[in-house]
């Protein structure tokens, strides 16, 4: 079944450090949320070195609607932007021309072009590819790894970085 396949798919953590969370802590609710993010960051910082480039497996489970979720917490495929950007397949895959187009569209989405139709995302990427700076993206972590993935795909012919996870 698809659930068995997910449970047997090895992933890994890419060697990309995470900045310490910052933000507004002007009220108790925001302060509590920021503290929670910092605690999660600390655990990820401490465990990252043990997981980088090593195969790990997530336990997947369905909900009553038939959707599936991984059971991770500090490392979570369906987690925040950083988590989505550093979880990659343990084994790379050869990339076709269609796969290269998918990566280009993922880059466009990371830069906020998610409402465009696919051909317009590709056109946007082609028009902007020489001036893209992942730090200026709507989702900079995802933009960075997708740009890295495209570089691997074009130079090596393969990548282990997923286009999208959820």
C-alpha atoms as a PDB file:
ATOM      1  CA  UNK A   1       0.000   0.000   0.000  1.00  0.00           C
ATOM      2  CA  UNK A   2       0.987   3.645  -0.260  1.00  0.00           C
ATOM      3  CA  UNK A   3       1.274   3.856   3.528  1.00  0.00           C
ATOM      4  CA  UNK A   4       3.731   0.944   3.571  1.00  0.00           C
ATOM      5  CA  UNK A   5       5.777   2.639   0.839  1.00  0.00           C
ATOM      6  CA  UNK A   6       5.923   5.869   2.853  1.00  0.00           C
ATOM      7  CA  UNK A   7       6.993   4.005   5.993  1.00  0.00           C
ATOM      8  CA  UNK A   8       9.792   2.302   4.023  1.00  0.00           C
ATOM      9  CA  UNK A   9      11.084   5.458   2.320  1.00  0.00           C
ATOM     10  CA  UNK A  10      14.350   6.660   3.821  1.00  0.00           C
ATOM     11  CA  UNK A  11      14.867  10.383   4.179  1.00  0.00           C
ATOM     12  CA  UNK A  12      17.734  12.397   5.585  1.00  0.00           C
ATOM     13  CA  UNK A  13      18.473  15.821   6.960  1.00  0.00           C
ATOM     14  CA  UNK A  14      20.452  18.213   4.757  1.00  0.00           C
ATOM     15  CA  UNK A  15      23.431  19.967   6.317  1.00  0.00           C
ATOM     16  CA  UNK A  16      21.810  23.399   6.469  1.00  0.00           C
ATOM     17  CA  UNK A  17      21.882  25.295   9.745  1.00  0.00           C
ATOM     18  CA  UNK A  18      18.862  27.085  11.111  1.00  0.00           C
ATOM     19  CA  UNK A  19      18.909  30.617  12.500  1.00  0.00           C
ATOM     20  CA  UNK A  20      17.694  31.032  16.060  1.00  0.00           C
ATOM     21  CA  UNK A  21      14.050  32.135  16.065  1.00  0.00           C
ATOM     22  CA  UNK A  22      13.378  35.784  16.749  1.00  0.00           C
ATOM     23  CA  UNK A  23      10.208  37.750  16.900  1.00  0.00           C
ATOM     24  CA  UNK A  24       7.841  39.930  18.820  1.00  0.00           C
ATOM     25  CA  UNK A  25       7.354  38.913  22.430  1.00  0.00           C
ATOM     26  CA  UNK A  26       5.304  41.918  23.472  1.00  0.00           C
ATOM     27  CA  UNK A  27       2.487  39.872  24.959  1.00  0.00           C
ATOM     28  CA  UNK A  28       2.308  36.618  26.887  1.00  0.00           C
ATOM     29  CA  UNK A  29       0.885  34.578  24.010  1.00  0.00           C
ATOM     30  CA  UNK A  30       3.573  35.726  21.561  1.00  0.00           C
ATOM     31  CA  UNK A  31       6.276  35.268  24.186  1.00  0.00           C
ATOM     32  CA  UNK A  32       5.118  31.697  24.843  1.00  0.00           C
ATOM     33  CA  UNK A  33       5.071  30.913  21.090  1.00  0.00           C
ATOM     34  CA  UNK A  34       8.567  32.357  20.638  1.00  0.00           C
ATOM     35  CA  UNK A  35       9.863  30.352  23.604  1.00  0.00           C
ATOM     36  CA  UNK A  36       8.366  27.177  22.114  1.00  0.00           C
ATOM     37  CA  UNK A  37      10.077  27.888  18.776  1.00  0.00           C
ATOM     38  CA  UNK A  38      13.394  28.460  20.552  1.00  0.00           C
ATOM     39  CA  UNK A  39      13.071  25.183  22.451  1.00  0.00           C
ATOM     40  CA  UNK A  40      12.347  23.295  19.230  1.00  0.00           C
ATOM     41  CA  UNK A  41      15.289  25.060  17.574  1.00  0.00           C
ATOM     42  CA  UNK A  42      17.601  23.952  20.407  1.00  0.00           C
ATOM     43  CA  UNK A  43      16.589  20.300  20.073  1.00  0.00           C
ATOM     44  CA  UNK A  44      17.013  20.441  16.288  1.00  0.00           C
ATOM     45  CA  UNK A  45      20.424  22.090  16.703  1.00  0.00           C
ATOM     46  CA  UNK A  46      21.527  19.350  19.098  1.00  0.00           C
ATOM     47  CA  UNK A  47      20.204  16.441  17.004  1.00  0.00           C
ATOM     48  CA  UNK A  48      20.982  17.719  13.489  1.00  0.00           C
ATOM     49  CA  UNK A  49      24.619  16.574  13.532  1.00  0.00           C
ATOM     50  CA  UNK A  50      23.499  13.007  14.311  1.00  0.00           C
ATOM     51  CA  UNK A  51      20.990  12.920  11.446  1.00  0.00           C
ATOM     52  CA  UNK A  52      22.714  14.757   8.584  1.00  0.00           C
ATOM     53  CA  UNK A  53      23.185  12.498   5.562  1.00  0.00           C
ATOM     54  CA  UNK A  54      22.034   9.407   7.468  1.00  0.00           C
ATOM     55  CA  UNK A  55      18.888   7.504   6.498  1.00  0.00           C
ATOM     56  CA  UNK A  56      15.954   7.981   8.839  1.00  0.00           C
ATOM     57  CA  UNK A  57      12.352   6.827   8.579  1.00  0.00           C
ATOM     58  CA  UNK A  58       9.128   8.461   9.595  1.00  0.00           C
ATOM     59  CA  UNK A  59       6.139   6.570  10.897  1.00  0.00           C
ATOM     60  CA  UNK A  60       3.145   7.563   8.793  1.00  0.00           C
ATOM     61  CA  UNK A  61      -0.474   7.196   9.876  1.00  0.00           C
ATOM     62  CA  UNK A  62      -3.839   8.050   8.311  1.00  0.00           C
ATOM     63  CA  UNK A  63      -6.547  10.149   9.866  1.00  0.00           C
ATOM     64  CA  UNK A  64     -10.277   9.508   9.590  1.00  0.00           C
ATOM     65  CA  UNK A  65     -10.439  11.483   6.309  1.00  0.00           C
ATOM     66  CA  UNK A  66      -7.778   9.352   4.606  1.00  0.00           C
ATOM     67  CA  UNK A  67      -5.034  11.983   4.819  1.00  0.00           C
ATOM     68  CA  UNK A  68      -1.641  10.774   5.994  1.00  0.00           C
ATOM     69  CA  UNK A  69       0.726  12.433   8.448  1.00  0.00           C
ATOM     70  CA  UNK A  70       4.202  11.632   9.677  1.00  0.00           C
ATOM     71  CA  UNK A  71       4.660  11.217  13.407  1.00  0.00           C
ATOM     72  CA  UNK A  72       7.729  13.443  13.721  1.00  0.00           C
ATOM     73  CA  UNK A  73       7.904  16.426  16.009  1.00  0.00           C
ATOM     74  CA  UNK A  74      11.287  18.164  16.080  1.00  0.00           C
ATOM     75  CA  UNK A  75      11.949  16.878  12.554  1.00  0.00           C
ATOM     76  CA  UNK A  76       8.700  16.796  10.661  1.00  0.00           C
ATOM     77  CA  UNK A  77       8.110  16.478   6.931  1.00  0.00           C
ATOM     78  CA  UNK A  78       4.941  18.531   7.194  1.00  0.00           C
ATOM     79  CA  UNK A  79       6.444  21.009   9.635  1.00  0.00           C
ATOM     80  CA  UNK A  80       7.554  24.603   9.326  1.00  0.00           C
ATOM     81  CA  UNK A  81       9.390  26.051   6.339  1.00  0.00           C
ATOM     82  CA  UNK A  82      12.828  25.135   7.673  1.00  0.00           C
ATOM     83  CA  UNK A  83      11.846  21.525   8.323  1.00  0.00           C
ATOM     84  CA  UNK A  84      10.328  21.186   4.853  1.00  0.00           C
ATOM     85  CA  UNK A  85      13.490  22.569   3.313  1.00  0.00           C
ATOM     86  CA  UNK A  86      16.031  20.292   5.035  1.00  0.00           C
ATOM     87  CA  UNK A  87      14.280  16.936   4.813  1.00  0.00           C
ATOM     88  CA  UNK A  88      15.373  15.165   1.656  1.00  0.00           C
ATOM     89  CA  UNK A  89      15.260  11.655   0.268  1.00  0.00           C
ATOM     90  CA  UNK A  90      18.184   9.517   1.422  1.00  0.00           C
ATOM     91  CA  UNK A  91      18.761   8.318  -2.144  1.00  0.00           C
ATOM     92  CA  UNK A  92      18.913  10.741  -5.087  1.00  0.00           C
ATOM     93  CA  UNK A  93      16.804  10.243  -8.209  1.00  0.00           C
ATOM     94  CA  UNK A  94      17.613  10.994 -11.827  1.00  0.00           C
ATOM     95  CA  UNK A  95      15.744  14.052 -13.020  1.00  0.00           C
ATOM     96  CA  UNK A  96      13.933  14.286 -16.348  1.00  0.00           C
ATOM     97  CA  UNK A  97      13.217  17.477 -18.292  1.00  0.00           C
ATOM     98  CA  UNK A  98       9.744  17.437 -16.732  1.00  0.00           C
ATOM     99  CA  UNK A  99      11.369  17.185 -13.284  1.00  0.00           C
ATOM    100  CA  UNK A 100      13.531  20.214 -14.048  1.00  0.00           C
ATOM    101  CA  UNK A 101      10.385  22.145 -14.948  1.00  0.00           C
ATOM    102  CA  UNK A 102       8.804  21.074 -11.643  1.00  0.00           C
ATOM    103  CA  UNK A 103      11.835  22.394  -9.735  1.00  0.00           C
ATOM    104  CA  UNK A 104      11.643  25.714 -11.601  1.00  0.00           C
ATOM    105  CA  UNK A 105       7.952  25.995 -10.698  1.00  0.00           C
ATOM    106  CA  UNK A 106       8.786  25.211  -7.048  1.00  0.00           C
ATOM    107  CA  UNK A 107      11.298  28.071  -7.090  1.00  0.00           C
ATOM    108  CA  UNK A 108       8.627  30.399  -8.481  1.00  0.00           C
ATOM    109  CA  UNK A 109       6.218  29.302  -5.725  1.00  0.00           C
ATOM    110  CA  UNK A 110       8.865  29.957  -3.067  1.00  0.00           C
ATOM    111  CA  UNK A 111       9.098  33.502  -4.434  1.00  0.00           C
ATOM    112  CA  UNK A 112       5.354  34.006  -4.004  1.00  0.00           C
ATOM    113  CA  UNK A 113       4.248  33.101  -7.531  1.00  0.00           C
ATOM    114  CA  UNK A 114       2.036  30.253  -6.317  1.00  0.00           C
ATOM    115  CA  UNK A 115      -1.183  31.639  -7.831  1.00  0.00           C
ATOM    116  CA  UNK A 116       0.169  31.548 -11.387  1.00  0.00           C
ATOM    117  CA  UNK A 117      -0.655  28.695 -13.735  1.00  0.00           C
ATOM    118  CA  UNK A 118       2.254  26.339 -14.446  1.00  0.00           C
ATOM    119  CA  UNK A 119       3.311  27.867 -17.761  1.00  0.00           C
ATOM    120  CA  UNK A 120       3.353  31.330 -16.188  1.00  0.00           C
ATOM    121  CA  UNK A 121       5.461  30.040 -13.261  1.00  0.00           C
ATOM    122  CA  UNK A 122       7.975  28.698 -15.786  1.00  0.00           C
ATOM    123  CA  UNK A 123       7.948  31.996 -17.674  1.00  0.00           C
ATOM    124  CA  UNK A 124       8.406  33.916 -14.411  1.00  0.00           C
ATOM    125  CA  UNK A 125      11.368  31.703 -13.502  1.00  0.00           C
ATOM    126  CA  UNK A 126      13.011  32.172 -16.911  1.00  0.00           C
ATOM    127  CA  UNK A 127      12.543  35.955 -16.747  1.00  0.00           C
ATOM    128  CA  UNK A 128      14.018  36.191 -13.237  1.00  0.00           C
ATOM    129  CA  UNK A 129      16.531  33.336 -12.989  1.00  0.00           C
ATOM    130  CA  UNK A 130      19.617  35.546 -13.294  1.00  0.00           C
ATOM    131  CA  UNK A 131      18.616  37.878 -10.468  1.00  0.00           C
ATOM    132  CA  UNK A 132      17.050  35.482  -7.948  1.00  0.00           C
ATOM    133  CA  UNK A 133      18.303  35.830  -4.391  1.00  0.00           C
ATOM    134  CA  UNK A 134      16.785  33.262  -2.052  1.00  0.00           C
ATOM    135  CA  UNK A 135      16.992  35.744   0.846  1.00  0.00           C
ATOM    136  CA  UNK A 136      14.382  37.859  -0.959  1.00  0.00           C
ATOM    137  CA  UNK A 137      11.929  34.953  -1.392  1.00  0.00           C
ATOM    138  CA  UNK A 138       8.622  34.612   0.417  1.00  0.00           C
ATOM    139  CA  UNK A 139       9.964  31.244   1.656  1.00  0.00           C
ATOM    140  CA  UNK A 140      13.757  31.687   1.677  1.00  0.00           C
ATOM    141  CA  UNK A 141      14.672  28.235   3.037  1.00  0.00           C
ATOM    142  CA  UNK A 142      12.595  26.501   0.399  1.00  0.00           C
ATOM    143  CA  UNK A 143      13.889  28.801  -2.342  1.00  0.00           C
ATOM    144  CA  UNK A 144      17.461  28.017  -1.298  1.00  0.00           C
ATOM    145  CA  UNK A 145      17.093  24.226  -1.429  1.00  0.00           C
ATOM    146  CA  UNK A 146      15.077  24.306  -4.655  1.00  0.00           C
ATOM    147  CA  UNK A 147      17.755  26.444  -6.282  1.00  0.00           C
ATOM    148  CA  UNK A 148      20.341  23.969  -4.975  1.00  0.00           C
ATOM    149  CA  UNK A 149      18.241  21.089  -6.312  1.00  0.00           C
ATOM    150  CA  UNK A 150      18.060  22.707  -9.750  1.00  0.00           C
ATOM    151  CA  UNK A 151      21.833  23.151  -9.764  1.00  0.00           C
ATOM    152  CA  UNK A 152      22.303  19.441  -8.923  1.00  0.00           C
ATOM    153  CA  UNK A 153      19.764  18.395 -11.537  1.00  0.00           C
ATOM    154  CA  UNK A 154      21.397  20.483 -14.271  1.00  0.00           C
ATOM    155  CA  UNK A 155      25.009  19.604 -13.444  1.00  0.00           C
ATOM    156  CA  UNK A 156      24.758  16.062 -12.074  1.00  0.00           C
ATOM    157  CA  UNK A 157      21.449  14.884 -13.500  1.00  0.00           C
ATOM    158  CA  UNK A 158      19.994  13.955 -10.130  1.00  0.00           C
ATOM    159  CA  UNK A 159      18.812  15.361  -6.807  1.00  0.00           C
ATOM    160  CA  UNK A 160      17.421  14.054  -3.520  1.00  0.00           C
ATOM    161  CA  UNK A 161      15.524  17.244  -2.674  1.00  0.00           C
ATOM    162  CA  UNK A 162      11.738  16.855  -2.984  1.00  0.00           C
ATOM    163  CA  UNK A 163       9.809  19.476  -4.925  1.00  0.00           C
ATOM    164  CA  UNK A 164       7.001  19.620  -2.381  1.00  0.00           C
ATOM    165  CA  UNK A 165       6.098  17.628   0.672  1.00  0.00           C
ATOM    166  CA  UNK A 166       2.579  18.656   1.576  1.00  0.00           C
END
